N, C-alpha and C. Protein backbone atom coordinates (compact mmCIF):
# COMPACT_ATOMS: atom_id res chain seq x y z
N MET A 1 89.54 58.80 -30.45
CA MET A 1 90.32 59.54 -31.38
C MET A 1 91.21 58.59 -32.22
N GLU A 2 91.66 57.61 -31.58
CA GLU A 2 92.51 56.62 -32.21
C GLU A 2 91.74 55.88 -33.29
N GLN A 3 90.48 55.66 -33.09
CA GLN A 3 89.65 54.95 -34.07
C GLN A 3 89.47 55.80 -35.34
N ILE A 4 89.36 57.09 -35.16
CA ILE A 4 89.18 57.98 -36.30
C ILE A 4 90.46 57.98 -37.14
N ARG A 5 91.61 58.01 -36.44
CA ARG A 5 92.87 58.02 -37.14
C ARG A 5 93.06 56.73 -37.94
N GLU A 6 92.71 55.61 -37.36
CA GLU A 6 92.83 54.33 -38.05
C GLU A 6 91.89 54.30 -39.26
N PHE A 7 90.68 54.82 -39.07
CA PHE A 7 89.70 54.85 -40.16
C PHE A 7 90.21 55.70 -41.32
N VAL A 8 90.82 56.88 -41.02
CA VAL A 8 91.35 57.76 -42.04
C VAL A 8 92.53 57.09 -42.74
N GLU A 9 93.36 56.41 -41.99
CA GLU A 9 94.51 55.75 -42.61
C GLU A 9 94.07 54.63 -43.55
N ILE A 10 93.02 53.94 -43.19
CA ILE A 10 92.56 52.83 -44.01
C ILE A 10 91.84 53.36 -45.27
N TYR A 11 91.00 54.33 -45.06
CA TYR A 11 90.16 54.81 -46.16
C TYR A 11 90.55 56.21 -46.67
N ASN A 12 91.79 56.59 -46.58
CA ASN A 12 92.20 57.94 -46.96
C ASN A 12 92.00 58.23 -48.45
N ILE A 13 92.20 57.29 -49.31
CA ILE A 13 92.00 57.51 -50.74
C ILE A 13 90.52 57.72 -51.03
N GLU A 14 89.66 56.88 -50.41
CA GLU A 14 88.21 57.02 -50.61
C GLU A 14 87.71 58.36 -50.07
N ILE A 15 88.26 58.79 -48.94
CA ILE A 15 87.86 60.07 -48.35
C ILE A 15 88.28 61.23 -49.27
N ILE A 16 89.50 61.18 -49.78
CA ILE A 16 89.99 62.22 -50.68
C ILE A 16 89.14 62.25 -51.95
N ILE A 17 88.81 61.09 -52.50
CA ILE A 17 87.98 61.03 -53.70
C ILE A 17 86.59 61.61 -53.40
N GLY A 18 86.03 61.25 -52.23
CA GLY A 18 84.71 61.76 -51.83
C GLY A 18 84.73 63.28 -51.67
N ILE A 19 85.83 63.79 -51.07
CA ILE A 19 85.94 65.25 -50.90
C ILE A 19 86.09 65.92 -52.27
N LEU A 20 86.86 65.32 -53.17
CA LEU A 20 87.01 65.86 -54.53
C LEU A 20 85.68 65.86 -55.28
N VAL A 21 84.91 64.77 -55.15
CA VAL A 21 83.61 64.70 -55.82
C VAL A 21 82.70 65.79 -55.26
N ALA A 22 82.65 65.95 -53.93
CA ALA A 22 81.84 66.99 -53.30
C ALA A 22 82.31 68.38 -53.76
N PHE A 23 83.63 68.56 -53.86
CA PHE A 23 84.18 69.85 -54.31
C PHE A 23 83.72 70.16 -55.75
N PHE A 24 83.79 69.16 -56.63
CA PHE A 24 83.38 69.39 -58.02
C PHE A 24 81.88 69.62 -58.14
N ILE A 25 81.11 68.93 -57.33
CA ILE A 25 79.66 69.17 -57.33
C ILE A 25 79.37 70.59 -56.87
N LEU A 26 80.02 71.04 -55.78
CA LEU A 26 79.84 72.41 -55.29
C LEU A 26 80.33 73.43 -56.32
N LEU A 27 81.45 73.10 -56.98
CA LEU A 27 81.96 73.99 -58.01
C LEU A 27 80.97 74.11 -59.17
N ALA A 28 80.37 73.00 -59.58
CA ALA A 28 79.38 73.01 -60.67
C ALA A 28 78.15 73.82 -60.25
N LEU A 29 77.67 73.64 -59.02
CA LEU A 29 76.53 74.40 -58.52
C LEU A 29 76.85 75.89 -58.46
N TYR A 30 78.07 76.21 -58.04
CA TYR A 30 78.51 77.60 -57.98
C TYR A 30 78.52 78.22 -59.38
N LEU A 31 79.06 77.48 -60.35
CA LEU A 31 79.10 78.00 -61.72
C LEU A 31 77.69 78.19 -62.30
N ILE A 32 76.80 77.24 -62.02
CA ILE A 32 75.42 77.38 -62.48
C ILE A 32 74.77 78.62 -61.86
N ALA A 33 74.99 78.80 -60.56
CA ALA A 33 74.43 79.99 -59.87
C ALA A 33 75.01 81.27 -60.45
N GLU A 34 76.32 81.29 -60.74
CA GLU A 34 76.95 82.48 -61.32
C GLU A 34 76.38 82.78 -62.71
N ILE A 35 76.16 81.73 -63.50
CA ILE A 35 75.59 81.93 -64.84
C ILE A 35 74.19 82.52 -64.73
N ARG A 36 73.38 81.99 -63.83
CA ARG A 36 72.02 82.52 -63.64
C ARG A 36 72.06 83.98 -63.15
N ILE A 37 72.94 84.24 -62.21
CA ILE A 37 73.05 85.62 -61.69
C ILE A 37 73.50 86.57 -62.78
N SER A 38 74.45 86.12 -63.62
CA SER A 38 74.92 87.01 -64.69
C SER A 38 73.80 87.27 -65.70
N LYS A 39 72.96 86.26 -66.00
CA LYS A 39 71.82 86.47 -66.90
C LYS A 39 70.84 87.47 -66.28
N ILE A 40 70.57 87.34 -64.99
CA ILE A 40 69.65 88.26 -64.31
C ILE A 40 70.23 89.67 -64.28
N LYS A 41 71.54 89.78 -64.05
CA LYS A 41 72.19 91.10 -64.07
C LYS A 41 72.10 91.72 -65.45
N HIS A 42 72.31 90.89 -66.47
CA HIS A 42 72.23 91.40 -67.84
C HIS A 42 70.81 91.90 -68.14
N ARG A 43 69.80 91.15 -67.77
CA ARG A 43 68.42 91.58 -67.97
C ARG A 43 68.12 92.86 -67.18
N TYR A 44 68.59 92.91 -65.95
CA TYR A 44 68.38 94.12 -65.13
C TYR A 44 69.04 95.33 -65.77
N ASN A 45 70.28 95.17 -66.24
CA ASN A 45 70.98 96.28 -66.88
C ASN A 45 70.26 96.73 -68.15
N GLU A 46 69.72 95.78 -68.92
CA GLU A 46 68.93 96.15 -70.09
C GLU A 46 67.68 96.91 -69.68
N LEU A 47 67.06 96.48 -68.59
CA LEU A 47 65.84 97.14 -68.12
C LEU A 47 66.13 98.56 -67.66
N VAL A 48 67.14 98.76 -66.83
CA VAL A 48 67.41 100.09 -66.31
C VAL A 48 68.09 100.99 -67.32
N ARG A 49 68.68 100.45 -68.35
CA ARG A 49 69.29 101.29 -69.38
C ARG A 49 68.31 101.60 -70.49
N GLY A 50 67.36 100.75 -70.75
CA GLY A 50 66.39 100.99 -71.79
C GLY A 50 67.00 100.83 -73.16
N ALA A 51 66.18 101.06 -74.17
CA ALA A 51 66.65 100.88 -75.55
C ALA A 51 67.52 102.04 -76.00
N ASP A 52 67.25 103.24 -75.48
CA ASP A 52 67.97 104.43 -75.93
C ASP A 52 69.05 104.87 -74.95
N GLY A 53 69.44 104.02 -74.07
CA GLY A 53 70.46 104.37 -73.11
C GLY A 53 69.93 105.21 -71.95
N ILE A 54 68.62 105.26 -71.79
CA ILE A 54 68.00 106.02 -70.70
C ILE A 54 67.97 105.14 -69.47
N ASN A 55 68.36 105.70 -68.36
CA ASN A 55 68.33 104.96 -67.11
C ASN A 55 66.90 104.99 -66.57
N ILE A 56 66.26 103.83 -66.57
CA ILE A 56 64.86 103.75 -66.17
C ILE A 56 64.69 104.09 -64.70
N GLU A 57 65.65 103.74 -63.88
CA GLU A 57 65.56 104.06 -62.45
C GLU A 57 65.48 105.57 -62.25
N GLU A 58 66.34 106.31 -62.94
CA GLU A 58 66.30 107.77 -62.85
C GLU A 58 65.00 108.31 -63.44
N LEU A 59 64.55 107.69 -64.52
CA LEU A 59 63.29 108.10 -65.15
C LEU A 59 62.12 107.90 -64.20
N LEU A 60 62.10 106.79 -63.51
CA LEU A 60 61.02 106.52 -62.55
C LEU A 60 61.06 107.52 -61.40
N ILE A 61 62.23 107.86 -60.94
CA ILE A 61 62.35 108.84 -59.85
C ILE A 61 61.86 110.20 -60.32
N LYS A 62 62.27 110.61 -61.53
CA LYS A 62 61.83 111.90 -62.08
C LYS A 62 60.31 111.91 -62.26
N ASN A 63 59.76 110.80 -62.75
CA ASN A 63 58.31 110.72 -62.92
C ASN A 63 57.59 110.78 -61.57
N GLY A 64 58.19 110.21 -60.55
CA GLY A 64 57.61 110.31 -59.21
C GLY A 64 57.53 111.76 -58.75
N TYR A 65 58.60 112.51 -58.99
CA TYR A 65 58.59 113.94 -58.64
C TYR A 65 57.56 114.70 -59.47
N ARG A 66 57.48 114.35 -60.75
CA ARG A 66 56.51 115.03 -61.61
C ARG A 66 55.08 114.74 -61.17
N ILE A 67 54.83 113.51 -60.75
CA ILE A 67 53.50 113.16 -60.27
C ILE A 67 53.16 113.95 -59.02
N GLU A 68 54.12 114.08 -58.12
CA GLU A 68 53.89 114.90 -56.92
C GLU A 68 53.60 116.35 -57.30
N GLN A 69 54.35 116.87 -58.27
CA GLN A 69 54.13 118.24 -58.73
C GLN A 69 52.74 118.37 -59.36
N LEU A 70 52.33 117.38 -60.14
CA LEU A 70 51.00 117.41 -60.73
C LEU A 70 49.91 117.36 -59.66
N ARG A 71 50.13 116.57 -58.62
CA ARG A 71 49.16 116.54 -57.52
C ARG A 71 49.04 117.91 -56.88
N ASP A 72 50.17 118.57 -56.67
CA ASP A 72 50.13 119.92 -56.11
C ASP A 72 49.41 120.88 -57.04
N ASP A 73 49.70 120.75 -58.36
CA ASP A 73 49.03 121.61 -59.34
C ASP A 73 47.53 121.36 -59.35
N PHE A 74 47.13 120.09 -59.29
CA PHE A 74 45.70 119.79 -59.26
C PHE A 74 45.05 120.33 -57.99
N SER A 75 45.76 120.25 -56.89
CA SER A 75 45.23 120.80 -55.64
C SER A 75 45.04 122.31 -55.77
N ASP A 76 46.03 122.99 -56.37
CA ASP A 76 45.91 124.44 -56.57
C ASP A 76 44.75 124.75 -57.51
N LEU A 77 44.62 123.96 -58.59
CA LEU A 77 43.52 124.18 -59.53
C LEU A 77 42.17 123.95 -58.85
N ASP A 78 42.12 122.95 -57.99
CA ASP A 78 40.87 122.67 -57.29
C ASP A 78 40.49 123.83 -56.37
N LYS A 79 41.49 124.40 -55.69
CA LYS A 79 41.22 125.55 -54.84
C LYS A 79 40.77 126.75 -55.67
N LYS A 80 41.43 126.97 -56.81
CA LYS A 80 41.05 128.08 -57.68
C LYS A 80 39.64 127.87 -58.24
N MET A 81 39.32 126.63 -58.57
CA MET A 81 38.00 126.34 -59.10
C MET A 81 36.92 126.58 -58.03
N ASP A 82 37.20 126.18 -56.79
CA ASP A 82 36.27 126.45 -55.70
C ASP A 82 36.09 127.94 -55.51
N ASN A 83 37.18 128.70 -55.61
CA ASN A 83 37.12 130.15 -55.48
C ASN A 83 36.27 130.74 -56.61
N LEU A 84 36.47 130.26 -57.83
CA LEU A 84 35.68 130.74 -58.96
C LEU A 84 34.21 130.37 -58.81
N ASP A 85 33.94 129.16 -58.32
CA ASP A 85 32.54 128.77 -58.09
C ASP A 85 31.87 129.70 -57.10
N THR A 86 32.61 130.06 -56.05
CA THR A 86 32.06 130.99 -55.06
C THR A 86 31.79 132.34 -55.69
N LYS A 87 32.74 132.82 -56.49
CA LYS A 87 32.55 134.12 -57.15
C LYS A 87 31.41 134.06 -58.16
N LEU A 88 31.29 132.94 -58.86
CA LEU A 88 30.25 132.84 -59.89
C LEU A 88 28.84 132.83 -59.31
N THR A 89 28.69 132.40 -58.07
CA THR A 89 27.36 132.44 -57.48
C THR A 89 26.86 133.87 -57.34
N PHE A 90 27.77 134.84 -57.29
CA PHE A 90 27.40 136.25 -57.19
C PHE A 90 27.43 136.95 -58.55
N ALA A 91 27.78 136.24 -59.60
CA ALA A 91 27.81 136.82 -60.95
C ALA A 91 26.42 136.69 -61.58
N ILE A 92 26.17 137.49 -62.58
CA ILE A 92 24.88 137.43 -63.27
C ILE A 92 24.80 136.09 -63.99
N GLN A 93 23.77 135.33 -63.65
CA GLN A 93 23.59 134.01 -64.25
C GLN A 93 22.23 133.86 -64.91
N LYS A 94 21.29 134.70 -64.50
CA LYS A 94 19.93 134.57 -65.01
C LYS A 94 19.53 135.89 -65.66
N VAL A 95 19.02 135.79 -66.87
CA VAL A 95 18.62 136.97 -67.63
C VAL A 95 17.22 136.74 -68.18
N GLY A 96 16.35 137.71 -67.97
CA GLY A 96 15.01 137.65 -68.54
C GLY A 96 14.78 138.91 -69.35
N PHE A 97 14.19 138.77 -70.53
CA PHE A 97 14.05 139.90 -71.45
C PHE A 97 12.64 139.91 -72.04
N ILE A 98 12.08 141.10 -72.17
CA ILE A 98 10.78 141.24 -72.81
C ILE A 98 10.74 142.57 -73.57
N ARG A 99 10.21 142.51 -74.80
CA ARG A 99 9.99 143.72 -75.62
C ARG A 99 8.49 143.99 -75.66
N TYR A 100 8.17 145.27 -75.73
CA TYR A 100 6.75 145.62 -75.76
C TYR A 100 6.56 147.03 -76.27
N ASN A 101 5.30 147.37 -76.57
CA ASN A 101 4.91 148.72 -76.94
C ASN A 101 4.48 149.43 -75.67
N ALA A 102 5.20 150.46 -75.29
CA ALA A 102 4.83 151.19 -74.08
C ALA A 102 3.61 152.08 -74.32
N PHE A 103 3.42 152.52 -75.54
CA PHE A 103 2.31 153.40 -75.87
C PHE A 103 1.54 152.78 -77.03
N ALA A 104 0.24 152.92 -76.98
CA ALA A 104 -0.61 152.27 -77.97
C ALA A 104 -0.38 152.80 -79.38
N ASP A 105 -0.03 154.09 -79.50
CA ASP A 105 0.14 154.67 -80.83
C ASP A 105 1.51 154.41 -81.44
N MET A 106 2.39 153.73 -80.71
CA MET A 106 3.75 153.45 -81.20
C MET A 106 3.79 152.00 -81.71
N GLY A 107 4.60 151.74 -82.67
CA GLY A 107 4.78 150.40 -83.20
C GLY A 107 6.19 149.92 -82.97
N SER A 108 6.50 148.78 -83.48
CA SER A 108 7.84 148.19 -83.50
C SER A 108 8.34 147.68 -82.16
N GLU A 109 7.58 147.75 -81.12
CA GLU A 109 7.98 147.22 -79.80
C GLU A 109 9.39 147.65 -79.43
N LEU A 110 9.61 148.93 -79.34
CA LEU A 110 10.94 149.46 -79.05
C LEU A 110 11.21 149.63 -77.56
N SER A 111 10.24 149.43 -76.72
CA SER A 111 10.46 149.47 -75.27
C SER A 111 10.83 148.06 -74.81
N PHE A 112 11.59 147.98 -73.74
CA PHE A 112 11.97 146.67 -73.23
C PHE A 112 12.25 146.72 -71.74
N SER A 113 12.20 145.56 -71.11
CA SER A 113 12.64 145.35 -69.73
C SER A 113 13.52 144.12 -69.74
N ILE A 114 14.64 144.23 -69.06
CA ILE A 114 15.58 143.11 -68.99
C ILE A 114 16.04 142.98 -67.54
N ALA A 115 15.95 141.76 -67.02
CA ALA A 115 16.33 141.49 -65.63
C ALA A 115 17.65 140.71 -65.62
N PHE A 116 18.57 141.15 -64.78
CA PHE A 116 19.86 140.49 -64.59
C PHE A 116 19.93 140.03 -63.14
N LEU A 117 20.01 138.70 -62.91
CA LEU A 117 20.01 138.15 -61.55
C LEU A 117 21.19 137.19 -61.35
N ASP A 118 21.66 137.14 -60.11
CA ASP A 118 22.70 136.17 -59.77
C ASP A 118 22.04 134.88 -59.29
N ASN A 119 22.84 133.97 -58.75
CA ASN A 119 22.33 132.68 -58.31
C ASN A 119 21.40 132.82 -57.10
N PHE A 120 21.51 133.91 -56.36
CA PHE A 120 20.66 134.15 -55.18
C PHE A 120 19.46 135.02 -55.51
N LEU A 121 19.21 135.22 -56.81
CA LEU A 121 18.10 136.04 -57.31
C LEU A 121 18.23 137.49 -56.90
N ASN A 122 19.46 137.96 -56.81
CA ASN A 122 19.73 139.37 -56.54
C ASN A 122 20.28 140.00 -57.82
N GLY A 123 19.92 141.26 -58.07
CA GLY A 123 20.41 141.94 -59.25
C GLY A 123 19.59 143.19 -59.50
N PHE A 124 19.21 143.39 -60.76
CA PHE A 124 18.42 144.56 -61.11
C PHE A 124 17.62 144.29 -62.37
N VAL A 125 16.58 145.10 -62.57
CA VAL A 125 15.81 145.07 -63.80
C VAL A 125 15.99 146.42 -64.48
N LEU A 126 16.35 146.40 -65.73
CA LEU A 126 16.60 147.60 -66.51
C LEU A 126 15.44 147.76 -67.50
N THR A 127 14.84 148.95 -67.48
CA THR A 127 13.70 149.21 -68.35
C THR A 127 13.99 150.42 -69.21
N SER A 128 13.63 150.30 -70.48
CA SER A 128 13.74 151.43 -71.40
C SER A 128 12.36 151.65 -72.01
N ILE A 129 11.83 152.85 -71.83
CA ILE A 129 10.54 153.22 -72.39
C ILE A 129 10.82 154.14 -73.58
N TYR A 130 10.38 153.70 -74.74
CA TYR A 130 10.63 154.46 -75.96
C TYR A 130 9.37 155.24 -76.32
N GLY A 131 9.57 156.54 -76.52
CA GLY A 131 8.47 157.39 -76.97
C GLY A 131 8.93 158.21 -78.16
N ARG A 132 7.97 158.86 -78.84
CA ARG A 132 8.33 159.64 -80.03
C ARG A 132 9.18 160.85 -79.68
N GLU A 133 8.88 161.46 -78.59
CA GLU A 133 9.57 162.68 -78.19
C GLU A 133 10.82 162.39 -77.36
N GLN A 134 10.75 161.34 -76.57
CA GLN A 134 11.89 161.04 -75.70
C GLN A 134 11.88 159.56 -75.32
N SER A 135 13.03 159.08 -74.84
CA SER A 135 13.16 157.73 -74.31
C SER A 135 13.68 157.85 -72.89
N THR A 136 13.20 156.96 -72.04
CA THR A 136 13.62 156.97 -70.64
C THR A 136 14.16 155.58 -70.30
N CYS A 137 15.24 155.57 -69.56
CA CYS A 137 15.85 154.32 -69.14
C CYS A 137 16.07 154.39 -67.64
N TYR A 138 15.67 153.35 -66.91
CA TYR A 138 15.86 153.33 -65.47
C TYR A 138 16.04 151.88 -65.01
N ALA A 139 16.58 151.75 -63.81
CA ALA A 139 16.83 150.42 -63.23
C ALA A 139 16.24 150.35 -61.83
N LYS A 140 15.81 149.16 -61.45
CA LYS A 140 15.27 148.93 -60.11
C LYS A 140 16.01 147.72 -59.52
N PRO A 141 16.44 147.83 -58.26
CA PRO A 141 17.15 146.70 -57.65
C PRO A 141 16.21 145.53 -57.36
N ILE A 142 16.76 144.34 -57.44
CA ILE A 142 16.01 143.12 -57.14
C ILE A 142 16.78 142.36 -56.06
N LYS A 143 16.07 141.98 -55.01
CA LYS A 143 16.69 141.19 -53.93
C LYS A 143 15.78 140.01 -53.64
N ASN A 144 16.35 138.82 -53.70
CA ASN A 144 15.60 137.58 -53.50
C ASN A 144 14.40 137.48 -54.45
N GLY A 145 14.57 137.97 -55.67
CA GLY A 145 13.53 137.88 -56.68
C GLY A 145 12.44 138.92 -56.57
N LYS A 146 12.57 139.86 -55.64
CA LYS A 146 11.56 140.90 -55.43
C LYS A 146 12.24 142.26 -55.38
N SER A 147 11.44 143.30 -55.60
CA SER A 147 11.96 144.66 -55.55
C SER A 147 11.21 145.45 -54.49
N ILE A 148 11.91 146.39 -53.85
CA ILE A 148 11.24 147.25 -52.88
C ILE A 148 10.45 148.34 -53.59
N TYR A 149 10.70 148.51 -54.90
CA TYR A 149 9.98 149.47 -55.72
C TYR A 149 8.89 148.72 -56.49
N PRO A 150 7.78 149.39 -56.76
CA PRO A 150 6.73 148.72 -57.54
C PRO A 150 7.22 148.41 -58.95
N LEU A 151 6.93 147.21 -59.42
CA LEU A 151 7.35 146.77 -60.75
C LEU A 151 6.15 146.79 -61.69
N SER A 152 6.42 147.17 -62.93
CA SER A 152 5.38 147.10 -63.94
C SER A 152 5.16 145.64 -64.32
N VAL A 153 4.10 145.39 -65.07
CA VAL A 153 3.79 144.03 -65.52
C VAL A 153 4.96 143.47 -66.34
N GLU A 154 5.52 144.29 -67.22
CA GLU A 154 6.62 143.85 -68.08
C GLU A 154 7.88 143.57 -67.25
N GLU A 155 8.13 144.40 -66.26
CA GLU A 155 9.30 144.18 -65.39
C GLU A 155 9.12 142.89 -64.59
N MET A 156 7.91 142.65 -64.11
CA MET A 156 7.65 141.39 -63.38
C MET A 156 7.84 140.19 -64.31
N GLN A 157 7.41 140.33 -65.57
CA GLN A 157 7.59 139.24 -66.53
C GLN A 157 9.09 139.00 -66.80
N ALA A 158 9.86 140.08 -66.92
CA ALA A 158 11.30 139.93 -67.15
C ALA A 158 11.96 139.23 -65.97
N VAL A 159 11.59 139.63 -64.75
CA VAL A 159 12.15 138.98 -63.55
C VAL A 159 11.72 137.52 -63.50
N ASP A 160 10.45 137.25 -63.82
CA ASP A 160 9.95 135.88 -63.80
C ASP A 160 10.68 135.01 -64.83
N ARG A 161 10.91 135.56 -66.01
CA ARG A 161 11.64 134.82 -67.04
C ARG A 161 13.08 134.56 -66.61
N ALA A 162 13.69 135.53 -65.94
CA ALA A 162 15.07 135.33 -65.45
C ALA A 162 15.10 134.21 -64.42
N ILE A 163 14.12 134.21 -63.52
CA ILE A 163 14.09 133.19 -62.47
C ILE A 163 13.87 131.81 -63.09
N LYS A 164 13.00 131.73 -64.09
CA LYS A 164 12.71 130.45 -64.74
C LYS A 164 13.79 130.05 -65.73
N GLY A 165 14.67 130.99 -66.08
CA GLY A 165 15.74 130.67 -67.02
C GLY A 165 15.33 130.81 -68.46
N GLU A 166 14.31 131.60 -68.74
CA GLU A 166 13.86 131.81 -70.11
C GLU A 166 14.52 133.07 -70.65
N LEU A 167 15.25 132.94 -71.71
CA LEU A 167 15.88 134.10 -72.36
C LEU A 167 15.28 134.29 -73.74
N ASN A 168 13.99 134.12 -73.82
CA ASN A 168 13.32 134.25 -75.11
C ASN A 168 12.90 135.70 -75.32
N VAL A 169 12.96 136.17 -76.53
CA VAL A 169 12.48 137.51 -76.87
C VAL A 169 11.02 137.35 -77.25
N LYS A 170 10.15 137.57 -76.26
CA LYS A 170 8.72 137.44 -76.49
C LYS A 170 8.06 138.79 -76.37
N SER A 171 7.06 139.00 -77.11
CA SER A 171 6.34 140.27 -77.09
C SER A 171 4.95 140.07 -76.53
N ILE A 172 4.40 141.15 -76.00
CA ILE A 172 3.01 141.09 -75.53
C ILE A 172 2.17 142.07 -76.30
């Protein structure tokens, strides 16, 4: 301990100068760090405030909530679309139509048969027979593309056109 005291007494001015130099170097490093931090803070404040004074942090949080809400909305829309797809499979999707002369002495092909089928080939065929004295209209159910009632040639053609997806007005 005595040696340290003698060393300090001999070199006290050099030690004080060395401590002062170290202090000024640390002070300079501190000031440089403060200047850099203030520049980063200034840039950060410009970023979060935006050009119009809008706080970007709040904007990002609001957009996050909106994105979650949109995800929920898309999920609801997807469920509704699946529900509609299920309902549409039972809706009329296939139509077949044919016009013809029911009687040889009649012209203008005023009789017709039209088939309305869903995606499972279930539905009905509607036939209208036009005559000079009277017209008759009747329907026959169709299940899996067939009817339990006998179909005329024109009714079979209408069902066949519906199954094939032909909606042409063709005459025979």
